[in-house]
Amino acid sequence: QSGIHDISHKSWLFLILSGLATGFSWLCYYAAIKNGEVSKVTAIDKTSVLITFILAFIFLGEEFSKKSIIGAILIGIGSLVMVI
């Protein structure tokens, strides 16, 4: 716990914003479940993995293995099948 004082103000800002965004996303998720079909809401929610995958490639320049690419494709197909 002594290292907590070493965290920069910028890092604190991003930690707080991340927490607020996470809380807001959960509120939206539960509101969507309340108003829609759970199977469709959950399938759409799982596409966030694909969005993260794509953004990591575009903005962070990450390289992915064949296994992770196949996994991402299967998640996309599975989400599509659940929504249809």
PDB file of N, CA and C in Angstrom:
ATOM      1  N   GLN A   1       0.808  -1.199   0.000  1.00  0.00           N
ATOM      2  CA  GLN A   1       0.000   0.000   0.000  1.00  0.00           C
ATOM      3  C   GLN A   1       0.848   1.258   0.000  1.00  0.00           C
ATOM      4  N   SER A   2       2.117   1.128   0.298  1.00  0.00           N
ATOM      5  CA  SER A   2       2.958   2.322   0.326  1.00  0.00           C
ATOM      6  C   SER A   2       3.184   2.881  -1.079  1.00  0.00           C
ATOM      7  N   GLY A   3       3.026   2.052  -2.112  1.00  0.00           N
ATOM      8  CA  GLY A   3       3.225   2.494  -3.484  1.00  0.00           C
ATOM      9  C   GLY A   3       2.082   3.329  -4.026  1.00  0.00           C
ATOM     10  N   ILE A   4       0.995   3.414  -3.290  1.00  0.00           N
ATOM     11  CA  ILE A   4      -0.173   4.162  -3.767  1.00  0.00           C
ATOM     12  C   ILE A   4       0.154   5.643  -3.941  1.00  0.00           C
ATOM     13  N   HIS A   5       1.098   6.149  -3.169  1.00  0.00           N
ATOM     14  CA  HIS A   5       1.481   7.557  -3.264  1.00  0.00           C
ATOM     15  C   HIS A   5       2.323   7.834  -4.511  1.00  0.00           C
ATOM     16  N   ASP A   6       2.844   6.772  -5.126  1.00  0.00           N
ATOM     17  CA  ASP A   6       3.672   6.927  -6.321  1.00  0.00           C
ATOM     18  C   ASP A   6       2.858   7.017  -7.609  1.00  0.00           C
ATOM     19  N   ILE A   7       1.555   6.819  -7.514  1.00  0.00           N
ATOM     20  CA  ILE A   7       0.697   6.867  -8.705  1.00  0.00           C
ATOM     21  C   ILE A   7       0.506   8.324  -9.115  1.00  0.00           C
ATOM     22  N   SER A   8       0.738   8.605 -10.383  1.00  0.00           N
ATOM     23  CA  SER A   8       0.649   9.984 -10.882  1.00  0.00           C
ATOM     24  C   SER A   8      -0.805  10.458 -10.938  1.00  0.00           C
ATOM     25  N   HIS A   9      -0.957  11.761 -11.012  1.00  0.00           N
ATOM     26  CA  HIS A   9      -2.306  12.344 -11.108  1.00  0.00           C
ATOM     27  C   HIS A   9      -2.999  11.907 -12.393  1.00  0.00           C
ATOM     28  N   LYS A  10      -2.239  11.800 -13.463  1.00  0.00           N
ATOM     29  CA  LYS A  10      -2.806  11.354 -14.743  1.00  0.00           C
ATOM     30  C   LYS A  10      -3.327   9.927 -14.627  1.00  0.00           C
ATOM     31  N   SER A  11      -2.572   9.067 -13.959  1.00  0.00           N
ATOM     32  CA  SER A  11      -3.015   7.680 -13.771  1.00  0.00           C
ATOM     33  C   SER A  11      -4.263   7.615 -12.905  1.00  0.00           C
ATOM     34  N   TRP A  12      -4.328   8.449 -11.866  1.00  0.00           N
ATOM     35  CA  TRP A  12      -5.524   8.498 -11.020  1.00  0.00           C
ATOM     36  C   TRP A  12      -6.742   8.923 -11.842  1.00  0.00           C
ATOM     37  N   LEU A  13      -6.538   9.911 -12.694  1.00  0.00           N
ATOM     38  CA  LEU A  13      -7.633  10.381 -13.539  1.00  0.00           C
ATOM     39  C   LEU A  13      -8.171   9.251 -14.417  1.00  0.00           C
ATOM     40  N   PHE A  14      -7.257   8.510 -15.044  1.00  0.00           N
ATOM     41  CA  PHE A  14      -7.692   7.417 -15.911  1.00  0.00           C
ATOM     42  C   PHE A  14      -8.322   6.276 -15.117  1.00  0.00           C
ATOM     43  N   LEU A  15      -7.836   6.011 -13.914  1.00  0.00           N
ATOM     44  CA  LEU A  15      -8.448   4.987 -13.066  1.00  0.00           C
ATOM     45  C   LEU A  15      -9.876   5.373 -12.690  1.00  0.00           C
ATOM     46  N   ILE A  16     -10.060   6.626 -12.328  1.00  0.00           N
ATOM     47  CA  ILE A  16     -11.404   7.093 -11.947  1.00  0.00           C
ATOM     48  C   ILE A  16     -12.339   7.084 -13.153  1.00  0.00           C
ATOM     49  N   LEU A  17     -11.866   7.586 -14.289  1.00  0.00           N
ATOM     50  CA  LEU A  17     -12.700   7.583 -15.495  1.00  0.00           C
ATOM     51  C   LEU A  17     -13.048   6.160 -15.932  1.00  0.00           C
ATOM     52  N   SER A  18     -12.093   5.253 -15.804  1.00  0.00           N
ATOM     53  CA  SER A  18     -12.346   3.858 -16.149  1.00  0.00           C
ATOM     54  C   SER A  18     -13.411   3.256 -15.243  1.00  0.00           C
ATOM     55  N   GLY A  19     -13.328   3.555 -13.959  1.00  0.00           N
ATOM     56  CA  GLY A  19     -14.338   3.065 -13.019  1.00  0.00           C
ATOM     57  C   GLY A  19     -15.720   3.604 -13.321  1.00  0.00           C
ATOM     58  N   LEU A  20     -15.796   4.889 -13.631  1.00  0.00           N
ATOM     59  CA  LEU A  20     -17.086   5.490 -13.973  1.00  0.00           C
ATOM     60  C   LEU A  20     -17.657   4.898 -15.266  1.00  0.00           C
ATOM     61  N   ALA A  21     -16.805   4.718 -16.262  1.00  0.00           N
ATOM     62  CA  ALA A  21     -17.262   4.135 -17.523  1.00  0.00           C
ATOM     63  C   ALA A  21     -17.746   2.702 -17.331  1.00  0.00           C
ATOM     64  N   THR A  22     -17.025   1.947 -16.501  1.00  0.00           N
ATOM     65  CA  THR A  22     -17.429   0.566 -16.225  1.00  0.00           C
ATOM     66  C   THR A  22     -18.780   0.526 -15.517  1.00  0.00           C
ATOM     67  N   GLY A  23     -18.946   1.375 -14.510  1.00  0.00           N
ATOM     68  CA  GLY A  23     -20.227   1.419 -13.794  1.00  0.00           C
ATOM     69  C   GLY A  23     -21.373   1.810 -14.707  1.00  0.00           C
ATOM     70  N   PHE A  24     -21.143   2.808 -15.558  1.00  0.00           N
ATOM     71  CA  PHE A  24     -22.177   3.251 -16.494  1.00  0.00           C
ATOM     72  C   PHE A  24     -22.518   2.153 -17.494  1.00  0.00           C
ATOM     73  N   SER A  25     -21.491   1.419 -17.959  1.00  0.00           N
ATOM     74  CA  SER A  25     -21.755   0.355 -18.926  1.00  0.00           C
ATOM     75  C   SER A  25     -22.585  -0.762 -18.303  1.00  0.00           C
ATOM     76  N   TRP A  26     -22.336  -1.070 -17.033  1.00  0.00           N
ATOM     77  CA  TRP A  26     -23.144  -2.097 -16.363  1.00  0.00           C
ATOM     78  C   TRP A  26     -24.587  -1.635 -16.187  1.00  0.00           C
ATOM     79  N   LEU A  27     -24.782  -0.353 -15.868  1.00  0.00           N
ATOM     80  CA  LEU A  27     -26.153   0.160 -15.762  1.00  0.00           C
ATOM     81  C   LEU A  27     -26.880   0.045 -17.103  1.00  0.00           C
ATOM     82  N   CYS A  28     -26.192   0.377 -18.177  1.00  0.00           N
ATOM     83  CA  CYS A  28     -26.790   0.249 -19.515  1.00  0.00           C
ATOM     84  C   CYS A  28     -27.068  -1.208 -19.855  1.00  0.00           C
ATOM     85  N   TYR A  29     -26.150  -2.088 -19.471  1.00  0.00           N
ATOM     86  CA  TYR A  29     -26.307  -3.517 -19.737  1.00  0.00           C
ATOM     87  C   TYR A  29     -27.564  -4.054 -19.039  1.00  0.00           C
ATOM     88  N   TYR A  30     -27.723  -3.715 -17.763  1.00  0.00           N
ATOM     89  CA  TYR A  30     -28.894  -4.209 -17.032  1.00  0.00           C
ATOM     90  C   TYR A  30     -30.185  -3.571 -17.528  1.00  0.00           C
ATOM     91  N   ALA A  31     -30.129  -2.325 -17.958  1.00  0.00           N
ATOM     92  CA  ALA A  31     -31.318  -1.691 -18.542  1.00  0.00           C
ATOM     93  C   ALA A  31     -31.686  -2.387 -19.853  1.00  0.00           C
ATOM     94  N   ALA A  32     -30.685  -2.759 -20.633  1.00  0.00           N
ATOM     95  CA  ALA A  32     -30.957  -3.470 -21.889  1.00  0.00           C
ATOM     96  C   ALA A  32     -31.553  -4.846 -21.613  1.00  0.00           C
ATOM     97  N   ILE A  33     -31.039  -5.536 -20.596  1.00  0.00           N
ATOM     98  CA  ILE A  33     -31.597  -6.845 -20.241  1.00  0.00           C
ATOM     99  C   ILE A  33     -33.049  -6.691 -19.787  1.00  0.00           C
ATOM    100  N   LYS A  34     -33.322  -5.650 -19.030  1.00  0.00           N
ATOM    101  CA  LYS A  34     -34.685  -5.408 -18.551  1.00  0.00           C
ATOM    102  C   LYS A  34     -35.649  -5.169 -19.710  1.00  0.00           C
ATOM    103  N   ASN A  35     -35.169  -4.479 -20.741  1.00  0.00           N
ATOM    104  CA  ASN A  35     -36.046  -4.085 -21.844  1.00  0.00           C
ATOM    105  C   ASN A  35     -35.987  -4.999 -23.061  1.00  0.00           C
ATOM    106  N   GLY A  36     -35.018  -5.901 -23.118  1.00  0.00           N
ATOM    107  CA  GLY A  36     -34.865  -6.724 -24.317  1.00  0.00           C
ATOM    108  C   GLY A  36     -34.701  -8.196 -23.984  1.00  0.00           C
ATOM    109  N   GLU A  37     -34.437  -8.960 -25.016  1.00  0.00           N
ATOM    110  CA  GLU A  37     -34.201 -10.389 -24.840  1.00  0.00           C
ATOM    111  C   GLU A  37     -32.769 -10.608 -24.356  1.00  0.00           C
ATOM    112  N   VAL A  38     -32.639 -11.359 -23.276  1.00  0.00           N
ATOM    113  CA  VAL A  38     -31.333 -11.564 -22.660  1.00  0.00           C
ATOM    114  C   VAL A  38     -30.341 -12.191 -23.638  1.00  0.00           C
ATOM    115  N   SER A  39     -30.786 -13.152 -24.432  1.00  0.00           N
ATOM    116  CA  SER A  39     -29.870 -13.828 -25.354  1.00  0.00           C
ATOM    117  C   SER A  39     -29.292 -12.858 -26.384  1.00  0.00           C
ATOM    118  N   LYS A  40     -30.088 -11.906 -26.824  1.00  0.00           N
ATOM    119  CA  LYS A  40     -29.605 -10.938 -27.806  1.00  0.00           C
ATOM    120  C   LYS A  40     -28.720  -9.883 -27.157  1.00  0.00           C
ATOM    121  N   VAL A  41     -29.108  -9.424 -25.985  1.00  0.00           N
ATOM    122  CA  VAL A  41     -28.305  -8.418 -25.284  1.00  0.00           C
ATOM    123  C   VAL A  41     -26.933  -8.984 -24.946  1.00  0.00           C
ATOM    124  N   THR A  42     -26.896 -10.204 -24.453  1.00  0.00           N
ATOM    125  CA  THR A  42     -25.629 -10.833 -24.083  1.00  0.00           C
ATOM    126  C   THR A  42     -24.749 -11.041 -25.303  1.00  0.00           C
ATOM    127  N   ALA A  43     -25.345 -11.450 -26.400  1.00  0.00           N
ATOM    128  CA  ALA A  43     -24.571 -11.659 -27.624  1.00  0.00           C
ATOM    129  C   ALA A  43     -23.953 -10.353 -28.107  1.00  0.00           C
ATOM    130  N   ILE A  44     -24.706  -9.292 -28.058  1.00  0.00           N
ATOM    131  CA  ILE A  44     -24.188  -7.988 -28.469  1.00  0.00           C
ATOM    132  C   ILE A  44     -23.094  -7.535 -27.510  1.00  0.00           C
ATOM    133  N   ASP A  45     -23.291  -7.790 -26.222  1.00  0.00           N
ATOM    134  CA  ASP A  45     -22.289  -7.416 -25.223  1.00  0.00           C
ATOM    135  C   ASP A  45     -20.964  -8.131 -25.476  1.00  0.00           C
ATOM    136  N   LYS A  46     -21.013  -9.355 -25.906  1.00  0.00           N
ATOM    137  CA  LYS A  46     -19.786 -10.134 -26.124  1.00  0.00           C
ATOM    138  C   LYS A  46     -18.996  -9.646 -27.335  1.00  0.00           C
ATOM    139  N   THR A  47     -19.628  -8.855 -28.186  1.00  0.00           N
ATOM    140  CA  THR A  47     -18.876  -8.297 -29.311  1.00  0.00           C
ATOM    141  C   THR A  47     -17.857  -7.264 -28.853  1.00  0.00           C
ATOM    142  N   SER A  48     -17.935  -6.860 -27.586  1.00  0.00           N
ATOM    143  CA  SER A  48     -16.935  -5.924 -27.065  1.00  0.00           C
ATOM    144  C   SER A  48     -15.538  -6.544 -27.120  1.00  0.00           C
ATOM    145  N   VAL A  49     -15.467  -7.869 -27.041  1.00  0.00           N
ATOM    146  CA  VAL A  49     -14.181  -8.556 -27.175  1.00  0.00           C
ATOM    147  C   VAL A  49     -13.612  -8.312 -28.570  1.00  0.00           C
ATOM    148  N   LEU A  50     -14.462  -8.388 -29.574  1.00  0.00           N
ATOM    149  CA  LEU A  50     -14.020  -8.138 -30.950  1.00  0.00           C
ATOM    150  C   LEU A  50     -13.589  -6.691 -31.143  1.00  0.00           C
ATOM    151  N   ILE A  51     -14.339  -5.776 -30.559  1.00  0.00           N
ATOM    152  CA  ILE A  51     -13.992  -4.363 -30.681  1.00  0.00           C
ATOM    153  C   ILE A  51     -12.640  -4.097 -30.031  1.00  0.00           C
ATOM    154  N   THR A  52     -12.413  -4.680 -28.869  1.00  0.00           N
ATOM    155  CA  THR A  52     -11.123  -4.542 -28.191  1.00  0.00           C
ATOM    156  C   THR A  52     -10.003  -5.115 -29.034  1.00  0.00           C
ATOM    157  N   PHE A  53     -10.252  -6.254 -29.631  1.00  0.00           N
ATOM    158  CA  PHE A  53      -9.283  -6.921 -30.499  1.00  0.00           C
ATOM    159  C   PHE A  53      -8.892  -6.002 -31.664  1.00  0.00           C
ATOM    160  N   ILE A  54      -9.889  -5.421 -32.314  1.00  0.00           N
ATOM    161  CA  ILE A  54      -9.648  -4.552 -33.463  1.00  0.00           C
ATOM    162  C   ILE A  54      -8.932  -3.264 -33.045  1.00  0.00           C
ATOM    163  N   LEU A  55      -9.378  -2.651 -31.946  1.00  0.00           N
ATOM    164  CA  LEU A  55      -8.749  -1.419 -31.487  1.00  0.00           C
ATOM    165  C   LEU A  55      -7.299  -1.641 -31.047  1.00  0.00           C
ATOM    166  N   ALA A  56      -7.016  -2.792 -30.446  1.00  0.00           N
ATOM    167  CA  ALA A  56      -5.639  -3.101 -30.057  1.00  0.00           C
ATOM    168  C   ALA A  56      -4.749  -3.213 -31.287  1.00  0.00           C
ATOM    169  N   PHE A  57      -5.293  -3.756 -32.353  1.00  0.00           N
ATOM    170  CA  PHE A  57      -4.538  -3.871 -33.603  1.00  0.00           C
ATOM    171  C   PHE A  57      -4.292  -2.497 -34.229  1.00  0.00           C
ATOM    172  N   ILE A  58      -5.361  -1.676 -34.282  1.00  0.00           N
ATOM    173  CA  ILE A  58      -5.270  -0.378 -34.946  1.00  0.00           C
ATOM    174  C   ILE A  58      -4.421   0.615 -34.145  1.00  0.00           C
ATOM    175  N   PHE A  59      -4.733   0.780 -32.870  1.00  0.00           N
ATOM    176  CA  PHE A  59      -4.104   1.846 -32.091  1.00  0.00           C
ATOM    177  C   PHE A  59      -2.840   1.423 -31.357  1.00  0.00           C
ATOM    178  N   LEU A  60      -2.759   0.165 -30.961  1.00  0.00           N
ATOM    179  CA  LEU A  60      -1.593  -0.282 -30.199  1.00  0.00           C
ATOM    180  C   LEU A  60      -0.604  -1.070 -31.034  1.00  0.00           C
ATOM    181  N   GLY A  61      -1.011  -1.402 -32.261  1.00  0.00           N
ATOM    182  CA  GLY A  61      -0.114  -2.133 -33.151  1.00  0.00           C
ATOM    183  C   GLY A  61       0.197  -3.544 -32.689  1.00  0.00           C
ATOM    184  N   GLU A  62      -0.713  -4.129 -31.930  1.00  0.00           N
ATOM    185  CA  GLU A  62      -0.487  -5.486 -31.439  1.00  0.00           C
ATOM    186  C   GLU A  62      -0.565  -6.499 -32.570  1.00  0.00           C
ATOM    187  N   GLU A  63       0.239  -7.522 -32.455  1.00  0.00           N
ATOM    188  CA  GLU A  63       0.185  -8.626 -33.404  1.00  0.00           C
ATOM    189  C   GLU A  63      -0.490  -9.805 -32.701  1.00  0.00           C
ATOM    190  N   PHE A  64      -1.231 -10.578 -33.475  1.00  0.00           N
ATOM    191  CA  PHE A  64      -2.002 -11.659 -32.894  1.00  0.00           C
ATOM    192  C   PHE A  64      -1.603 -12.979 -33.511  1.00  0.00           C
ATOM    193  N   SER A  65      -1.757 -14.027 -32.711  1.00  0.00           N
ATOM    194  CA  SER A  65      -1.438 -15.370 -33.189  1.00  0.00           C
ATOM    195  C   SER A  65      -2.621 -15.920 -33.980  1.00  0.00           C
ATOM    196  N   LYS A  66      -2.374 -17.006 -34.689  1.00  0.00           N
ATOM    197  CA  LYS A  66      -3.463 -17.656 -35.425  1.00  0.00           C
ATOM    198  C   LYS A  66      -4.565 -18.088 -34.463  1.00  0.00           C
ATOM    199  N   LYS A  67      -4.166 -18.555 -33.287  1.00  0.00           N
ATOM    200  CA  LYS A  67      -5.140 -19.016 -32.296  1.00  0.00           C
ATOM    201  C   LYS A  67      -6.047 -17.870 -31.836  1.00  0.00           C
ATOM    202  N   SER A  68      -5.484 -16.690 -31.596  1.00  0.00           N
ATOM    203  CA  SER A  68      -6.316 -15.575 -31.142  1.00  0.00           C
ATOM    204  C   SER A  68      -7.216 -15.056 -32.267  1.00  0.00           C
ATOM    205  N   ILE A  69      -6.726 -15.079 -33.489  1.00  0.00           N
ATOM    206  CA  ILE A  69      -7.554 -14.656 -34.623  1.00  0.00           C
ATOM    207  C   ILE A  69      -8.716 -15.621 -34.828  1.00  0.00           C
ATOM    208  N   ILE A  70      -8.440 -16.913 -34.755  1.00  0.00           N
ATOM    209  CA  ILE A  70      -9.505 -17.922 -34.885  1.00  0.00           C
ATOM    210  C   ILE A  70     -10.519 -17.758 -33.752  1.00  0.00           C
ATOM    211  N   GLY A  71     -10.030 -17.513 -32.536  1.00  0.00           N
ATOM    212  CA  GLY A  71     -10.921 -17.292 -31.396  1.00  0.00           C
ATOM    213  C   GLY A  71     -11.821 -16.089 -31.603  1.00  0.00           C
ATOM    214  N   ALA A  72     -11.261 -14.993 -32.111  1.00  0.00           N
ATOM    215  CA  ALA A  72     -12.043 -13.785 -32.364  1.00  0.00           C
ATOM    216  C   ALA A  72     -13.107 -14.039 -33.435  1.00  0.00           C
ATOM    217  N   ILE A  73     -12.735 -14.766 -34.463  1.00  0.00           N
ATOM    218  CA  ILE A  73     -13.699 -15.099 -35.523  1.00  0.00           C
ATOM    219  C   ILE A  73     -14.831 -15.956 -34.962  1.00  0.00           C
ATOM    220  N   LEU A  74     -14.491 -16.928 -34.134  1.00  0.00           N
ATOM    221  CA  LEU A  74     -15.524 -17.784 -33.534  1.00  0.00           C
ATOM    222  C   LEU A  74     -16.445 -17.006 -32.602  1.00  0.00           C
ATOM    223  N   ILE A  75     -15.890 -16.057 -31.852  1.00  0.00           N
ATOM    224  CA  ILE A  75     -16.735 -15.210 -31.002  1.00  0.00           C
ATOM    225  C   ILE A  75     -17.694 -14.406 -31.863  1.00  0.00           C
ATOM    226  N   GLY A  76     -17.192 -13.856 -32.959  1.00  0.00           N
ATOM    227  CA  GLY A  76     -18.052 -13.093 -33.868  1.00  0.00           C
ATOM    228  C   GLY A  76     -19.152 -13.943 -34.463  1.00  0.00           C
ATOM    229  N   ILE A  77     -18.801 -15.146 -34.914  1.00  0.00           N
ATOM    230  CA  ILE A  77     -19.799 -16.046 -35.496  1.00  0.00           C
ATOM    231  C   ILE A  77     -20.823 -16.453 -34.441  1.00  0.00           C
ATOM    232  N   GLY A  78     -20.354 -16.783 -33.249  1.00  0.00           N
ATOM    233  CA  GLY A  78     -21.254 -17.180 -32.170  1.00  0.00           C
ATOM    234  C   GLY A  78     -22.214 -16.070 -31.790  1.00  0.00           C
ATOM    235  N   SER A  79     -21.715 -14.843 -31.727  1.00  0.00           N
ATOM    236  CA  SER A  79     -22.581 -13.707 -31.418  1.00  0.00           C
ATOM    237  C   SER A  79     -23.626 -13.493 -32.503  1.00  0.00           C
ATOM    238  N   LEU A  80     -23.194 -13.621 -33.744  1.00  0.00           N
ATOM    239  CA  LEU A  80     -24.117 -13.454 -34.861  1.00  0.00           C
ATOM    240  C   LEU A  80     -25.206 -14.517 -34.843  1.00  0.00           C
ATOM    241  N   VAL A  81     -24.824 -15.751 -34.575  1.00  0.00           N
ATOM    242  CA  VAL A  81     -25.789 -16.863 -34.525  1.00  0.00           C
ATOM    243  C   VAL A  81     -26.806 -16.625 -33.411  1.00  0.00           C
ATOM    244  N   MET A  82     -26.351 -16.129 -32.256  1.00  0.00           N
ATOM    245  CA  MET A  82     -27.272 -15.890 -31.132  1.00  0.00           C
ATOM    246  C   MET A  82     -28.249 -14.759 -31.427  1.00  0.00           C
ATOM    247  N   VAL A  83     -27.809 -13.753 -32.153  1.00  0.00           N
ATOM    248  CA  VAL A  83     -28.676 -12.605 -32.439  1.00  0.00           C
ATOM    249  C   VAL A  83     -29.738 -12.961 -33.475  1.00  0.00           C
ATOM    250  N   ILE A  84     -29.330 -13.776 -34.451  1.00  0.00           N
ATOM    251  CA  ILE A  84     -30.257 -14.129 -35.535  1.00  0.00           C
ATOM    252  C   ILE A  84     -31.295 -15.038 -35.044  1.00  0.00           C
TER     253      ILE A  84
END
